[in-house]
C-alpha cells in the first residue's frame, strides 16, 4: 500500500495506462502508414491548406481595415 491505497489499484492503473499507450501507438502507426501510402497525407494536407486559405480570404474581406 502506498499512502493507504491498495496495490491492486496501482496495478490496474498502470495496466490501464499501458493499454491506452498501446492503442495510441497503434493509431499513430495506422495514420502514418495511411499518410505515406500513395501521397494521401500530402493530398489531405494540401486540401486542408487550401480550405484554410479560402477561410482566411473570406474573413479578411469581411473585416475592413481603417487604413484601406
PDB file of N, CA and C in Angstrom:
ATOM      1  N   UNK A   1       0.836  -1.195   0.000  1.00  0.00           N
ATOM      2  CA  UNK A   1       0.000   0.000   0.000  1.00  0.00           C
ATOM      3  C   UNK A   1       0.871   1.244   0.000  1.00  0.00           C
ATOM      4  N   UNK A   2       0.454   2.184  -0.782  1.00  0.00           N
ATOM      5  CA  UNK A   2       1.163   3.448  -0.826  1.00  0.00           C
ATOM      6  C   UNK A   2       0.168   4.518  -0.406  1.00  0.00           C
ATOM      7  N   UNK A   3       0.417   5.130   0.726  1.00  0.00           N
ATOM      8  CA  UNK A   3      -0.438   6.167   1.291  1.00  0.00           C
ATOM      9  C   UNK A   3      -1.878   5.678   1.460  1.00  0.00           C
ATOM     10  N   UNK A   4      -2.038   4.448   1.888  1.00  0.00           N
ATOM     11  CA  UNK A   4      -3.364   3.907   2.163  1.00  0.00           C
ATOM     12  C   UNK A   4      -4.104   3.412   0.933  1.00  0.00           C
ATOM     13  N   UNK A   5      -3.478   3.415  -0.241  1.00  0.00           N
ATOM     14  CA  UNK A   5      -4.129   2.947  -1.470  1.00  0.00           C
ATOM     15  C   UNK A   5      -3.628   1.533  -1.753  1.00  0.00           C
ATOM     16  N   UNK A   6      -4.543   0.585  -1.994  1.00  0.00           N
ATOM     17  CA  UNK A   6      -4.131  -0.809  -2.202  1.00  0.00           C
ATOM     18  C   UNK A   6      -3.242  -0.974  -3.445  1.00  0.00           C
ATOM     19  N   UNK A   7      -2.407  -1.996  -3.413  1.00  0.00           N
ATOM     20  CA  UNK A   7      -1.507  -2.293  -4.528  1.00  0.00           C
ATOM     21  C   UNK A   7      -2.289  -2.647  -5.782  1.00  0.00           C
ATOM     22  N   UNK A   8      -3.446  -3.285  -5.629  1.00  0.00           N
ATOM     23  CA  UNK A   8      -4.239  -3.669  -6.797  1.00  0.00           C
ATOM     24  C   UNK A   8      -4.690  -2.441  -7.598  1.00  0.00           C
ATOM     25  N   UNK A   9      -4.938  -1.341  -6.909  1.00  0.00           N
ATOM     26  CA  UNK A   9      -5.309  -0.104  -7.597  1.00  0.00           C
ATOM     27  C   UNK A   9      -4.174   0.362  -8.497  1.00  0.00           C
ATOM     28  N   UNK A  10      -2.943   0.351  -7.970  1.00  0.00           N
ATOM     29  CA  UNK A  10      -1.799   0.812  -8.751  1.00  0.00           C
ATOM     30  C   UNK A  10      -1.527  -0.124  -9.923  1.00  0.00           C
ATOM     31  N   UNK A  11      -1.690  -1.435  -9.712  1.00  0.00           N
ATOM     32  CA  UNK A  11      -1.509  -2.377 -10.820  1.00  0.00           C
ATOM     33  C   UNK A  11      -2.542  -2.123 -11.916  1.00  0.00           C
ATOM     34  N   UNK A  12      -3.798  -1.942 -11.528  1.00  0.00           N
ATOM     35  CA  UNK A  12      -4.837  -1.663 -12.506  1.00  0.00           C
ATOM     36  C   UNK A  12      -4.563  -0.346 -13.228  1.00  0.00           C
ATOM     37  N   UNK A  13      -4.143   0.661 -12.486  1.00  0.00           N
ATOM     38  CA  UNK A  13      -3.868   1.962 -13.089  1.00  0.00           C
ATOM     39  C   UNK A  13      -2.739   1.875 -14.106  1.00  0.00           C
ATOM     40  N   UNK A  14      -1.653   1.172 -13.779  1.00  0.00           N
ATOM     41  CA  UNK A  14      -0.537   1.019 -14.710  1.00  0.00           C
ATOM     42  C   UNK A  14      -0.940   0.190 -15.917  1.00  0.00           C
ATOM     43  N   UNK A  15      -1.724  -0.859 -15.728  1.00  0.00           N
ATOM     44  CA  UNK A  15      -2.170  -1.695 -16.843  1.00  0.00           C
ATOM     45  C   UNK A  15      -3.077  -0.894 -17.771  1.00  0.00           C
ATOM     46  N   UNK A  16      -3.976  -0.104 -17.205  1.00  0.00           N
ATOM     47  CA  UNK A  16      -4.883   0.719 -17.998  1.00  0.00           C
ATOM     48  C   UNK A  16      -4.101   1.762 -18.787  1.00  0.00           C
ATOM     49  N   UNK A  17      -3.104   2.373 -18.158  1.00  0.00           N
ATOM     50  CA  UNK A  17      -2.267   3.359 -18.843  1.00  0.00           C
ATOM     51  C   UNK A  17      -1.468   2.705 -19.967  1.00  0.00           C
ATOM     52  N   UNK A  18      -0.949   1.512 -19.730  1.00  0.00           N
ATOM     53  CA  UNK A  18      -0.195   0.797 -20.761  1.00  0.00           C
ATOM     54  C   UNK A  18      -1.096   0.432 -21.938  1.00  0.00           C
ATOM     55  N   UNK A  19      -2.331   0.032 -21.658  1.00  0.00           N
ATOM     56  CA  UNK A  19      -3.282  -0.286 -22.726  1.00  0.00           C
ATOM     57  C   UNK A  19      -3.570   0.946 -23.570  1.00  0.00           C
ATOM     58  N   UNK A  20      -3.790   2.070 -22.931  1.00  0.00           N
ATOM     59  CA  UNK A  20      -4.052   3.303 -23.671  1.00  0.00           C
ATOM     60  C   UNK A  20      -2.832   3.736 -24.492  1.00  0.00           C
ATOM     61  N   UNK A  21      -1.650   3.578 -23.948  1.00  0.00           N
ATOM     62  CA  UNK A  21      -0.433   3.913 -24.695  1.00  0.00           C
ATOM     63  C   UNK A  21      -0.295   3.009 -25.917  1.00  0.00           C
ATOM     64  N   UNK A  22      -0.599   1.730 -25.774  1.00  0.00           N
ATOM     65  CA  UNK A  22      -0.515   0.795 -26.901  1.00  0.00           C
ATOM     66  C   UNK A  22      -1.536   1.155 -27.980  1.00  0.00           C
ATOM     67  N   UNK A  23      -2.741   1.532 -27.581  1.00  0.00           N
ATOM     68  CA  UNK A  23      -3.763   1.942 -28.546  1.00  0.00           C
ATOM     69  C   UNK A  23      -3.315   3.207 -29.272  1.00  0.00           C
ATOM     70  N   UNK A  24      -2.751   4.152 -28.548  1.00  0.00           N
ATOM     71  CA  UNK A  24      -2.271   5.393 -29.154  1.00  0.00           C
ATOM     72  C   UNK A  24      -1.165   5.119 -30.162  1.00  0.00           C
ATOM     73  N   UNK A  25      -0.233   4.245 -29.828  1.00  0.00           N
ATOM     74  CA  UNK A  25       0.854   3.898 -30.746  1.00  0.00           C
ATOM     75  C   UNK A  25       0.290   3.211 -31.988  1.00  0.00           C
ATOM     76  N   UNK A  26      -0.695   2.313 -31.820  1.00  0.00           N
ATOM     77  CA  UNK A  26      -1.295   1.625 -32.961  1.00  0.00           C
ATOM     78  C   UNK A  26      -2.023   2.611 -33.871  1.00  0.00           C
ATOM     79  N   UNK A  27      -2.752   3.557 -33.293  1.00  0.00           N
ATOM     80  CA  UNK A  27      -3.447   4.563 -34.110  1.00  0.00           C
ATOM     81  C   UNK A  27      -2.453   5.465 -34.837  1.00  0.00           C
ATOM     82  N   UNK A  28      -1.385   5.855 -34.173  1.00  0.00           N
ATOM     83  CA  UNK A  28      -0.360   6.680 -34.805  1.00  0.00           C
ATOM     84  C   UNK A  28       0.307   5.929 -35.952  1.00  0.00           C
ATOM     85  N   UNK A  29       0.604   4.652 -35.750  1.00  0.00           N
ATOM     86  CA  UNK A  29       1.214   3.849 -36.807  1.00  0.00           C
ATOM     87  C   UNK A  29       0.263   3.710 -37.994  1.00  0.00           C
ATOM     88  N   UNK A  30      -1.027   3.471 -37.722  1.00  0.00           N
ATOM     89  CA  UNK A  30      -2.006   3.359 -38.802  1.00  0.00           C
ATOM     90  C   UNK A  30      -2.106   4.665 -39.574  1.00  0.00           C
ATOM     91  N   UNK A  31      -2.087   5.789 -38.875  1.00  0.00           N
ATOM     92  CA  UNK A  31      -2.147   7.087 -39.539  1.00  0.00           C
ATOM     93  C   UNK A  31      -0.909   7.322 -40.403  1.00  0.00           C
ATOM     94  N   UNK A  32       0.266   7.011 -39.885  1.00  0.00           N
ATOM     95  CA  UNK A  32       1.491   7.212 -40.651  1.00  0.00           C
ATOM     96  C   UNK A  32       1.537   6.324 -41.886  1.00  0.00           C
ATOM     97  N   UNK A  33       1.090   5.081 -41.758  1.00  0.00           N
ATOM     98  CA  UNK A  33       1.043   4.188 -42.918  1.00  0.00           C
ATOM     99  C   UNK A  33       0.086   4.748 -43.957  1.00  0.00           C
ATOM    100  N   UNK A  34      -1.091   5.224 -43.522  1.00  0.00           N
ATOM    101  CA  UNK A  34      -2.053   5.814 -44.448  1.00  0.00           C
ATOM    102  C   UNK A  34      -1.472   7.053 -45.121  1.00  0.00           C
ATOM    103  N   UNK A  35      -0.823   7.906 -44.343  1.00  0.00           N
ATOM    104  CA  UNK A  35      -0.316   9.172 -44.868  1.00  0.00           C
ATOM    105  C   UNK A  35       0.821   8.964 -45.861  1.00  0.00           C
ATOM    106  N   UNK A  36       1.613   7.945 -45.669  1.00  0.00           N
ATOM    107  CA  UNK A  36       2.759   7.718 -46.540  1.00  0.00           C
ATOM    108  C   UNK A  36       2.424   6.869 -47.762  1.00  0.00           C
ATOM    109  N   UNK A  37       1.223   6.309 -47.811  1.00  0.00           N
ATOM    110  CA  UNK A  37       0.826   5.475 -48.938  1.00  0.00           C
ATOM    111  C   UNK A  37       0.212   6.336 -50.030  1.00  0.00           C
ATOM    112  N   UNK A  38       0.775   6.280 -51.215  1.00  0.00           N
ATOM    113  CA  UNK A  38       0.243   6.969 -52.400  1.00  0.00           C
ATOM    114  C   UNK A  38       0.036   8.467 -52.182  1.00  0.00           C
ATOM    115  N   UNK A  39       0.874   9.084 -51.390  1.00  0.00           N
ATOM    116  CA  UNK A  39       0.811  10.531 -51.157  1.00  0.00           C
ATOM    117  C   UNK A  39      -0.529  10.996 -50.593  1.00  0.00           C
ATOM    118  N   UNK A  40      -1.245  10.132 -49.898  1.00  0.00           N
ATOM    119  CA  UNK A  40      -2.549  10.505 -49.349  1.00  0.00           C
ATOM    120  C   UNK A  40      -2.421  11.589 -48.287  1.00  0.00           C
ATOM    121  N   UNK A  41      -1.392  11.525 -47.479  1.00  0.00           N
ATOM    122  CA  UNK A  41      -1.190  12.542 -46.458  1.00  0.00           C
ATOM    123  C   UNK A  41      -0.911  13.900 -47.073  1.00  0.00           C
ATOM    124  N   UNK A  42      -0.110  13.926 -48.133  1.00  0.00           N
ATOM    125  CA  UNK A  42       0.198  15.191 -48.805  1.00  0.00           C
ATOM    126  C   UNK A  42      -1.059  15.775 -49.441  1.00  0.00           C
ATOM    127  N   UNK A  43      -1.886  14.914 -50.022  1.00  0.00           N
ATOM    128  CA  UNK A  43      -3.136  15.386 -50.631  1.00  0.00           C
ATOM    129  C   UNK A  43      -4.071  15.959 -49.573  1.00  0.00           C
ATOM    130  N   UNK A  44      -4.185  15.274 -48.450  1.00  0.00           N
ATOM    131  CA  UNK A  44      -5.053  15.745 -47.378  1.00  0.00           C
ATOM    132  C   UNK A  44      -4.535  17.067 -46.810  1.00  0.00           C
ATOM    133  N   UNK A  45      -3.234  17.169 -46.625  1.00  0.00           N
ATOM    134  CA  UNK A  45      -2.644  18.400 -46.098  1.00  0.00           C
ATOM    135  C   UNK A  45      -2.826  19.554 -47.080  1.00  0.00           C
ATOM    136  N   UNK A  46      -2.657  19.281 -48.354  1.00  0.00           N
ATOM    137  CA  UNK A  46      -2.854  20.308 -49.374  1.00  0.00           C
ATOM    138  C   UNK A  46      -4.307  20.786 -49.393  1.00  0.00           C
ATOM    139  N   UNK A  47      -5.249  19.859 -49.288  1.00  0.00           N
ATOM    140  CA  UNK A  47      -6.658  20.235 -49.230  1.00  0.00           C
ATOM    141  C   UNK A  47      -6.976  21.085 -48.017  1.00  0.00           C
ATOM    142  N   UNK A  48      -6.369  20.722 -46.883  1.00  0.00           N
ATOM    143  CA  UNK A  48      -6.604  21.489 -45.664  1.00  0.00           C
ATOM    144  C   UNK A  48      -6.013  22.901 -45.797  1.00  0.00           C
ATOM    145  N   UNK A  49      -4.815  23.007 -46.369  1.00  0.00           N
ATOM    146  CA  UNK A  49      -4.220  24.332 -46.580  1.00  0.00           C
ATOM    147  C   UNK A  49      -5.064  25.183 -47.508  1.00  0.00           C
ATOM    148  N   UNK A  50      -5.606  24.578 -48.563  1.00  0.00           N
ATOM    149  CA  UNK A  50      -6.469  25.329 -49.479  1.00  0.00           C
ATOM    150  C   UNK A  50      -7.718  25.826 -48.763  1.00  0.00           C
ATOM    151  N   UNK A  51      -8.312  24.971 -47.926  1.00  0.00           N
ATOM    152  CA  UNK A  51      -9.513  25.353 -47.182  1.00  0.00           C
ATOM    153  C   UNK A  51      -9.205  26.502 -46.221  1.00  0.00           C
ATOM    154  N   UNK A  52      -8.090  26.409 -45.505  1.00  0.00           N
ATOM    155  CA  UNK A  52      -7.709  27.438 -44.534  1.00  0.00           C
ATOM    156  C   UNK A  52      -7.421  28.752 -45.252  1.00  0.00           C
ATOM    157  N   UNK A  53      -6.811  28.688 -46.445  1.00  0.00           N
ATOM    158  CA  UNK A  53      -6.529  29.901 -47.209  1.00  0.00           C
ATOM    159  C   UNK A  53      -7.827  30.556 -47.671  1.00  0.00           C
ATOM    160  N   UNK A  54      -8.799  29.766 -48.110  1.00  0.00           N
ATOM    161  CA  UNK A  54     -10.098  30.320 -48.501  1.00  0.00           C
ATOM    162  C   UNK A  54     -10.788  30.966 -47.304  1.00  0.00           C
ATOM    163  N   UNK A  55     -10.698  30.332 -46.152  1.00  0.00           N
ATOM    164  CA  UNK A  55     -11.291  30.889 -44.937  1.00  0.00           C
ATOM    165  C   UNK A  55     -10.599  32.205 -44.568  1.00  0.00           C
ATOM    166  N   UNK A  56      -9.280  32.252 -44.688  1.00  0.00           N
ATOM    167  CA  UNK A  56      -8.535  33.477 -44.384  1.00  0.00           C
ATOM    168  C   UNK A  56      -8.961  34.611 -45.305  1.00  0.00           C
ATOM    169  N   UNK A  57      -9.099  34.304 -46.579  1.00  0.00           N
ATOM    170  CA  UNK A  57      -9.512  35.341 -47.535  1.00  0.00           C
ATOM    171  C   UNK A  57     -10.925  35.831 -47.246  1.00  0.00           C
ATOM    172  N   UNK A  58     -11.818  34.903 -46.922  1.00  0.00           N
ATOM    173  CA  UNK A  58     -13.192  35.283 -46.602  1.00  0.00           C
ATOM    174  C   UNK A  58     -13.233  36.190 -45.381  1.00  0.00           C
ATOM    175  N   UNK A  59     -12.535  35.807 -44.327  1.00  0.00           N
ATOM    176  CA  UNK A  59     -12.541  36.612 -43.110  1.00  0.00           C
ATOM    177  C   UNK A  59     -11.871  37.964 -43.311  1.00  0.00           C
ATOM    178  N   UNK A  60     -10.809  37.999 -44.093  1.00  0.00           N
ATOM    179  CA  UNK A  60     -10.150  39.288 -44.308  1.00  0.00           C
ATOM    180  C   UNK A  60     -10.994  40.208 -45.176  1.00  0.00           C
ATOM    181  N   UNK A  61     -11.855  39.654 -46.022  1.00  0.00           N
ATOM    182  CA  UNK A  61     -12.735  40.517 -46.820  1.00  0.00           C
ATOM    183  C   UNK A  61     -13.917  41.023 -45.993  1.00  0.00           C
ATOM    184  N   UNK A  62     -14.245  40.352 -44.910  1.00  0.00           N
ATOM    185  CA  UNK A  62     -15.359  40.777 -44.060  1.00  0.00           C
ATOM    186  C   UNK A  62     -14.977  41.883 -43.092  1.00  0.00           C
ATOM    187  N   UNK A  63     -13.714  41.944 -42.751  1.00  0.00           N
ATOM    188  CA  UNK A  63     -13.257  42.910 -41.753  1.00  0.00           C
ATOM    189  C   UNK A  63     -12.528  44.045 -42.469  1.00  0.00           C
ATOM    190  N   UNK A  64     -13.108  45.251 -42.485  1.00  0.00           N
ATOM    191  CA  UNK A  64     -12.404  46.360 -43.141  1.00  0.00           C
ATOM    192  C   UNK A  64     -11.308  46.900 -42.233  1.00  0.00           C
ATOM    193  N   UNK A  65     -10.210  47.217 -42.868  1.00  0.00           N
ATOM    194  CA  UNK A  65      -9.108  47.809 -42.124  1.00  0.00           C
ATOM    195  C   UNK A  65      -9.213  49.326 -42.217  1.00  0.00           C
ATOM    196  N   UNK A  66      -8.878  50.053 -41.171  1.00  0.00           N
ATOM    197  CA  UNK A  66      -9.026  51.505 -41.185  1.00  0.00           C
ATOM    198  C   UNK A  66      -8.089  52.182 -42.182  1.00  0.00           C
ATOM    199  N   UNK A  67      -6.981  51.566 -42.543  1.00  0.00           N
ATOM    200  CA  UNK A  67      -6.032  52.197 -43.454  1.00  0.00           C
ATOM    201  C   UNK A  67      -6.270  51.816 -44.916  1.00  0.00           C
ATOM    202  N   UNK A  68      -7.274  50.970 -45.173  1.00  0.00           N
ATOM    203  CA  UNK A  68      -7.505  50.585 -46.578  1.00  0.00           C
ATOM    204  C   UNK A  68      -8.696  51.291 -47.169  1.00  0.00           C
TER     205      UNK A  68
END
